[in-house]
Amino acid sequence: MRSLAAFVVRSRPAAVLTAATAAVLFWLFPPFLTVAGAVVALVTLRQGAAEGALLAILAGLGAAGLTWLVLGTPWPMARVLLPCWFALWSLAWVLRTTVSLSRTFQVAALLSLLGVAGFYLALDDPAIWWNDALGRLQQELVESASLGQTTDQATLNELFELLESWAPFLPGQAASAGLLSVLTALLLGRWWQALLFNPGGFRPEFHGLRLGRPLAVLLLALFGGAMLSGWPVLTNAALVLGTLFTLQGIALVHALSFKLQLSPAWLILFYLLLIPLLSQVVMALGVADAWADFRTRVRSRPGKR
């Protein structure tokens, strides 16, 4: 990773090549989008907003051009990169200016809530738009020769019925997924920056990540309002903030593991269980940390660290 980061900051062509290539490889392996975004974040953090914007434009054009050659159209790549890289560049600029992950995540919360609001302002009822989009996709797949078998078609119908039941909550799911991708890329870019120019500096910054009580209160209010009213807008907004507090919970787990000098195997086990079992628990832990401040309550074990 350090060698890749060093290659990225060596020159503008190196950064453009790395970001564009990783963006195109996203179609083969989605995590490459995080690597491409981390390149944009690293350049913005190290060389400033103007250089980061120029890199994003050049690499975006390169990735869209390569996608055009393969798929015959550049728009699939453009639709992925435009929202992701603009949000990422904005947050990297905020982090460079404030030198605070906590403040940057608070700005990310505001942007993501505005994104959810934008769904409703642009589409009035996003559930109708999602249902229409899913219906068109279903029709295209049903007509495909590869899905001609009865069992496949039945399974497909069941899948789309499930997706249609989720349609009112897809704005929050989509915003949460985009937010998670952007923040993961930002954290990776920040880690690369620390590897190159401030060894060991990323750990205390990440371990100290806290979103603050006002956002925790807002999240609890949104969850409570959603449960009482059943209004999808509140649920979608809560999903976005819940993603941020899940990341705070992850940072807290890392901080406590470091203080207690636990084996890295515990963190590996934590990540293996996170997605299927622990995501809501970790989110609740992040919310509780707004009041409990577990980092100061747990004493470090004497030892090597």
Protein backbone atom coordinates (compact mmCIF):
# COMPACT_ATOMS: atom_id res chain seq x y z
CA MET A 1 0.00 0.00 0.00
CA ARG A 2 2.81 2.40 0.81
CA SER A 3 4.40 1.76 -2.59
CA LEU A 4 1.11 2.48 -4.34
CA ALA A 5 0.64 5.70 -2.38
CA ALA A 6 4.20 6.78 -3.18
CA PHE A 7 3.56 6.12 -6.88
CA VAL A 8 0.38 8.21 -6.77
CA VAL A 9 2.08 11.30 -5.32
CA ARG A 10 5.08 10.98 -7.63
CA SER A 11 3.44 12.88 -10.48
CA ARG A 12 0.09 13.93 -11.91
CA PRO A 13 0.18 11.34 -14.75
CA ALA A 14 0.84 8.59 -12.20
CA ALA A 15 -2.15 9.68 -10.12
CA VAL A 16 -4.42 9.96 -13.17
CA LEU A 17 -3.36 6.54 -14.44
CA THR A 18 -3.92 4.88 -11.07
CA ALA A 19 -7.32 6.50 -10.43
CA ALA A 20 -8.64 5.87 -13.95
CA THR A 21 -7.46 2.24 -14.02
CA ALA A 22 -8.91 1.47 -10.60
CA ALA A 23 -12.20 3.13 -11.56
CA VAL A 24 -12.54 0.94 -14.66
CA LEU A 25 -11.61 -2.19 -12.69
CA PHE A 26 -14.61 -1.37 -10.49
CA TRP A 27 -16.77 -3.18 -13.06
CA LEU A 28 -14.83 -6.38 -12.39
CA PHE A 29 -14.35 -5.97 -8.63
CA PRO A 30 -16.35 -3.20 -6.89
CA PRO A 31 -13.81 -2.48 -4.08
CA PHE A 32 -11.53 -0.97 -6.72
CA LEU A 33 -13.84 2.06 -6.61
CA THR A 34 -12.58 2.67 -3.07
CA VAL A 35 -8.99 2.56 -4.30
CA ALA A 36 -9.77 5.02 -7.10
CA GLY A 37 -11.46 7.37 -4.65
CA ALA A 38 -8.55 7.10 -2.21
CA VAL A 39 -6.25 8.41 -4.96
CA VAL A 40 -8.46 11.49 -5.35
CA ALA A 41 -8.57 11.93 -1.58
CA LEU A 42 -4.80 11.58 -1.16
CA VAL A 43 -4.00 14.13 -3.87
CA THR A 44 -6.58 16.57 -2.51
CA LEU A 45 -5.29 16.18 1.05
CA ARG A 46 -1.66 16.54 0.06
CA GLN A 47 -1.70 18.97 -2.86
CA GLY A 48 -4.88 20.97 -2.38
CA ALA A 49 -8.39 21.27 -3.72
CA ALA A 50 -7.42 22.57 -7.17
CA GLU A 51 -5.04 19.69 -7.89
CA GLY A 52 -7.55 17.19 -6.52
CA ALA A 53 -10.30 18.57 -8.76
CA LEU A 54 -8.01 18.48 -11.81
CA LEU A 55 -7.09 14.88 -11.05
CA ALA A 56 -10.74 13.89 -10.66
CA ILE A 57 -11.62 15.49 -14.01
CA LEU A 58 -8.72 13.93 -15.92
CA ALA A 59 -9.09 10.49 -14.35
CA GLY A 60 -12.86 10.62 -14.77
CA LEU A 61 -12.52 11.42 -18.46
CA GLY A 62 -10.00 8.61 -18.84
CA ALA A 63 -12.21 6.08 -17.06
CA ALA A 64 -15.28 7.19 -19.03
CA GLY A 65 -13.32 6.91 -22.26
CA LEU A 66 -12.18 3.38 -21.49
CA THR A 67 -15.74 2.43 -20.53
CA TRP A 68 -16.95 3.88 -23.84
CA LEU A 69 -14.52 1.67 -25.75
CA VAL A 70 -15.72 -1.45 -23.94
CA LEU A 71 -19.45 -0.80 -23.48
CA GLY A 72 -20.10 1.66 -26.31
CA THR A 73 -21.22 4.40 -23.89
CA PRO A 74 -19.43 6.42 -21.18
CA TRP A 75 -22.52 7.14 -19.08
CA PRO A 76 -22.42 4.14 -16.72
CA MET A 77 -18.99 5.23 -15.51
CA ALA A 78 -19.97 8.89 -15.39
CA ARG A 79 -23.06 8.14 -13.28
CA VAL A 80 -20.89 6.31 -10.76
CA LEU A 81 -17.98 8.74 -10.58
CA LEU A 82 -19.71 12.13 -10.68
CA PRO A 83 -21.61 11.88 -7.36
CA CYS A 84 -18.99 9.77 -5.59
CA TRP A 85 -15.93 11.80 -6.53
CA PHE A 86 -17.59 15.17 -6.05
CA ALA A 87 -18.63 14.24 -2.51
CA LEU A 88 -15.23 12.69 -1.84
CA TRP A 89 -13.34 15.72 -3.14
CA SER A 90 -15.52 18.03 -1.01
CA LEU A 91 -14.93 16.02 2.16
CA ALA A 92 -11.19 15.72 1.48
CA TRP A 93 -11.06 19.50 1.13
CA VAL A 94 -12.92 19.87 4.45
CA LEU A 95 -10.51 17.44 6.13
CA ARG A 96 -7.49 19.28 4.73
CA THR A 97 -8.91 22.58 5.99
CA THR A 98 -10.11 21.49 9.43
CA VAL A 99 -7.59 18.68 10.11
CA SER A 100 -10.44 16.94 11.96
CA LEU A 101 -12.05 13.64 11.02
CA SER A 102 -14.90 14.33 13.43
CA ARG A 103 -15.73 17.67 11.80
CA THR A 104 -15.45 16.10 8.36
CA PHE A 105 -17.87 13.32 9.29
CA GLN A 106 -20.30 15.91 10.63
CA VAL A 107 -20.18 17.65 7.25
CA ALA A 108 -20.71 14.25 5.61
CA ALA A 109 -23.84 13.82 7.75
CA LEU A 110 -25.19 17.15 6.49
CA LEU A 111 -24.42 16.32 2.85
CA SER A 112 -26.02 12.89 3.09
CA LEU A 113 -29.18 14.27 4.70
CA LEU A 114 -29.36 16.85 1.92
CA GLY A 115 -28.96 13.97 -0.54
CA VAL A 116 -31.95 12.17 0.93
CA ALA A 117 -33.94 15.40 0.82
CA GLY A 118 -32.88 15.82 -2.80
CA PHE A 119 -34.47 12.47 -3.67
CA TYR A 120 -37.82 13.73 -2.45
CA LEU A 121 -37.48 17.19 -3.99
CA ALA A 122 -36.54 15.77 -7.39
CA LEU A 123 -38.86 12.75 -7.47
CA ASP A 124 -41.70 13.74 -5.11
CA ASP A 125 -42.30 10.08 -4.26
CA PRO A 126 -39.05 8.10 -4.80
CA ALA A 127 -40.87 4.79 -4.19
CA ILE A 128 -42.79 5.27 -7.47
CA TRP A 129 -39.55 5.98 -9.34
CA TRP A 130 -37.85 2.92 -7.85
CA ASN A 131 -40.84 0.72 -8.64
CA ASP A 132 -40.86 1.93 -12.25
CA ALA A 133 -37.11 1.33 -12.58
CA LEU A 134 -37.41 -2.14 -11.06
CA GLY A 135 -40.33 -2.93 -13.32
CA ARG A 136 -38.36 -2.01 -16.44
CA LEU A 137 -35.39 -4.05 -15.26
CA GLN A 138 -37.63 -7.01 -14.48
CA GLN A 139 -39.18 -6.90 -17.94
CA GLU A 140 -35.77 -6.77 -19.61
CA LEU A 141 -34.49 -9.73 -17.61
CA VAL A 142 -37.61 -11.80 -18.15
CA GLU A 143 -37.31 -11.28 -21.90
CA SER A 144 -33.67 -12.31 -21.83
CA ALA A 145 -33.00 -15.72 -23.30
CA SER A 146 -30.70 -16.62 -20.45
CA LEU A 147 -33.63 -16.45 -18.02
CA GLY A 148 -36.03 -18.54 -20.02
CA GLN A 149 -36.35 -21.36 -17.50
CA THR A 150 -39.45 -21.39 -15.26
CA THR A 151 -37.48 -21.77 -12.04
CA ASP A 152 -35.29 -18.80 -12.87
CA GLN A 153 -38.28 -16.64 -13.71
CA ALA A 154 -40.06 -17.59 -10.49
CA THR A 155 -36.99 -16.77 -8.44
CA LEU A 156 -36.67 -13.48 -10.28
CA ASN A 157 -40.28 -12.57 -9.53
CA GLU A 158 -39.77 -13.29 -5.84
CA LEU A 159 -36.68 -11.12 -5.81
CA PHE A 160 -38.46 -8.19 -7.41
CA GLU A 161 -41.41 -8.51 -5.05
CA LEU A 162 -38.95 -8.20 -2.18
CA LEU A 163 -37.27 -5.18 -3.78
CA GLU A 164 -40.64 -3.52 -4.36
CA SER A 165 -41.45 -3.86 -0.66
CA TRP A 166 -38.15 -2.07 0.04
CA ALA A 167 -38.82 0.69 -2.51
CA PRO A 168 -39.88 3.35 0.06
CA PHE A 169 -36.55 2.88 1.86
CA LEU A 170 -34.25 2.64 -1.15
CA PRO A 171 -33.36 6.39 -1.07
CA GLY A 172 -31.84 5.92 2.38
CA GLN A 173 -30.20 2.64 1.38
CA ALA A 174 -28.69 4.20 -1.74
CA ALA A 175 -27.47 7.29 0.13
CA SER A 176 -26.01 5.09 2.90
CA ALA A 177 -24.18 2.88 0.42
CA GLY A 178 -22.76 5.90 -1.39
CA LEU A 179 -21.79 7.53 1.89
CA LEU A 180 -20.04 4.38 3.10
CA SER A 181 -18.10 4.11 -0.17
CA VAL A 182 -17.03 7.76 -0.03
CA LEU A 183 -15.96 7.70 3.62
CA THR A 184 -14.08 4.42 3.20
CA ALA A 185 -12.13 5.96 0.32
CA LEU A 186 -11.48 9.10 2.38
CA LEU A 187 -10.14 7.06 5.31
CA LEU A 188 -7.93 5.02 2.99
CA GLY A 189 -6.55 8.20 1.42
CA ARG A 190 -5.90 9.67 4.88
CA TRP A 191 -4.11 6.49 5.92
CA TRP A 192 -1.94 6.66 2.80
CA GLN A 193 -1.09 10.26 3.61
CA ALA A 194 -0.04 9.25 7.12
CA LEU A 195 2.06 6.35 5.81
CA LEU A 196 4.02 8.70 3.57
CA PHE A 197 4.28 11.90 5.58
CA ASN A 198 3.20 11.24 9.19
CA PRO A 199 3.84 7.61 10.19
CA GLY A 200 1.57 6.57 13.05
CA GLY A 201 -0.55 9.71 12.75
CA PHE A 202 -3.67 8.04 11.41
CA ARG A 203 -4.29 5.79 14.42
CA PRO A 204 -5.01 8.47 17.05
CA GLU A 205 -7.03 10.48 14.53
CA PHE A 206 -9.26 7.51 13.67
CA HIS A 207 -9.47 6.28 17.27
CA GLY A 208 -10.68 9.71 18.35
CA LEU A 209 -13.52 9.89 15.82
CA ARG A 210 -16.70 11.22 17.48
CA LEU A 211 -19.79 12.67 15.84
CA GLY A 212 -21.07 14.45 18.93
CA ARG A 213 -24.27 14.46 20.96
CA PRO A 214 -26.39 16.70 18.69
CA LEU A 215 -26.20 14.18 15.84
CA ALA A 216 -26.82 11.31 18.27
CA VAL A 217 -29.94 13.06 19.56
CA LEU A 218 -31.07 13.70 15.98
CA LEU A 219 -30.61 10.03 15.09
CA LEU A 220 -32.63 8.88 18.10
CA ALA A 221 -35.34 11.41 17.28
CA LEU A 222 -35.48 10.20 13.67
CA PHE A 223 -35.71 6.56 14.72
CA GLY A 224 -38.41 7.37 17.27
CA GLY A 225 -40.38 9.45 14.80
CA ALA A 226 -40.09 6.76 12.12
CA MET A 227 -41.36 4.07 14.48
CA LEU A 228 -44.31 6.16 15.63
CA SER A 229 -45.33 7.62 12.29
CA GLY A 230 -44.07 5.06 9.76
CA TRP A 231 -43.01 7.96 7.52
CA PRO A 232 -40.34 6.67 5.10
CA VAL A 233 -38.58 10.07 4.97
CA LEU A 234 -37.61 9.77 8.62
CA THR A 235 -36.50 6.17 8.17
CA ASN A 236 -34.30 7.08 5.20
CA ALA A 237 -32.68 9.95 7.10
CA ALA A 238 -32.09 7.66 10.08
CA LEU A 239 -30.45 5.05 7.84
CA VAL A 240 -27.90 7.61 6.67
CA LEU A 241 -27.01 8.80 10.16
CA GLY A 242 -26.95 5.20 11.35
CA THR A 243 -24.19 4.48 8.82
CA LEU A 244 -22.08 7.29 10.27
CA PHE A 245 -22.55 6.09 13.84
CA THR A 246 -21.66 2.56 12.75
CA LEU A 247 -18.33 3.95 11.54
CA GLN A 248 -17.90 5.71 14.89
CA GLY A 249 -18.60 2.39 16.59
CA ILE A 250 -15.92 0.73 14.46
CA ALA A 251 -13.45 3.46 15.42
CA LEU A 252 -14.37 2.92 19.08
CA VAL A 253 -13.77 -0.84 18.82
CA HIS A 254 -10.34 -0.16 17.30
CA ALA A 255 -9.53 2.33 20.06
CA LEU A 256 -10.54 -0.06 22.85
CA SER A 257 -8.68 -2.94 21.21
CA PHE A 258 -5.54 -0.80 21.09
CA LYS A 259 -5.91 0.31 24.71
CA LEU A 260 -6.47 -3.23 25.94
CA GLN A 261 -3.71 -4.62 23.69
CA LEU A 262 -5.98 -7.28 22.27
CA SER A 263 -4.72 -9.65 19.62
CA PRO A 264 -5.39 -8.63 15.99
CA ALA A 265 -7.37 -11.85 15.73
CA TRP A 266 -10.14 -10.19 17.75
CA LEU A 267 -10.44 -7.42 15.16
CA ILE A 268 -10.54 -10.00 12.37
CA LEU A 269 -13.34 -11.84 14.18
CA PHE A 270 -15.13 -8.52 14.71
CA TYR A 271 -15.11 -7.74 10.98
CA LEU A 272 -16.23 -11.26 10.08
CA LEU A 273 -19.25 -10.84 12.35
CA LEU A 274 -19.89 -7.15 11.61
CA ILE A 275 -21.98 -7.40 8.45
CA PRO A 276 -24.16 -10.42 9.29
CA LEU A 277 -24.59 -9.93 13.02
CA LEU A 278 -23.11 -6.86 14.65
CA SER A 279 -23.79 -3.80 12.48
CA GLN A 280 -26.77 -2.61 14.53
CA VAL A 281 -24.95 -3.35 17.79
CA VAL A 282 -21.94 -1.35 16.62
CA MET A 283 -24.21 1.53 15.60
CA ALA A 284 -25.82 1.50 19.05
CA LEU A 285 -22.35 1.47 20.59
CA GLY A 286 -21.42 4.52 18.55
CA VAL A 287 -24.56 6.36 19.68
CA ALA A 288 -24.01 5.42 23.33
CA ASP A 289 -20.42 6.66 23.10
CA ALA A 290 -21.77 10.19 22.58
CA TRP A 291 -22.65 10.17 26.30
CA ALA A 292 -20.56 7.39 27.84
CA ASP A 293 -17.20 8.33 26.24
CA PHE A 294 -15.88 4.78 26.57
CA ARG A 295 -12.38 5.75 25.46
CA THR A 296 -11.71 7.72 28.64
CA ARG A 297 -13.39 5.14 30.90
CA VAL A 298 -11.20 2.25 29.74
CA ARG A 299 -7.66 2.33 31.07
CA SER A 300 -4.73 1.27 28.94
CA ARG A 301 -2.98 -1.92 29.87
CA PRO A 302 0.70 -1.45 30.69
CA GLY A 303 2.87 -3.08 28.10
CA LYS A 304 4.65 -2.57 24.81
CA ARG A 305 2.37 0.13 23.36
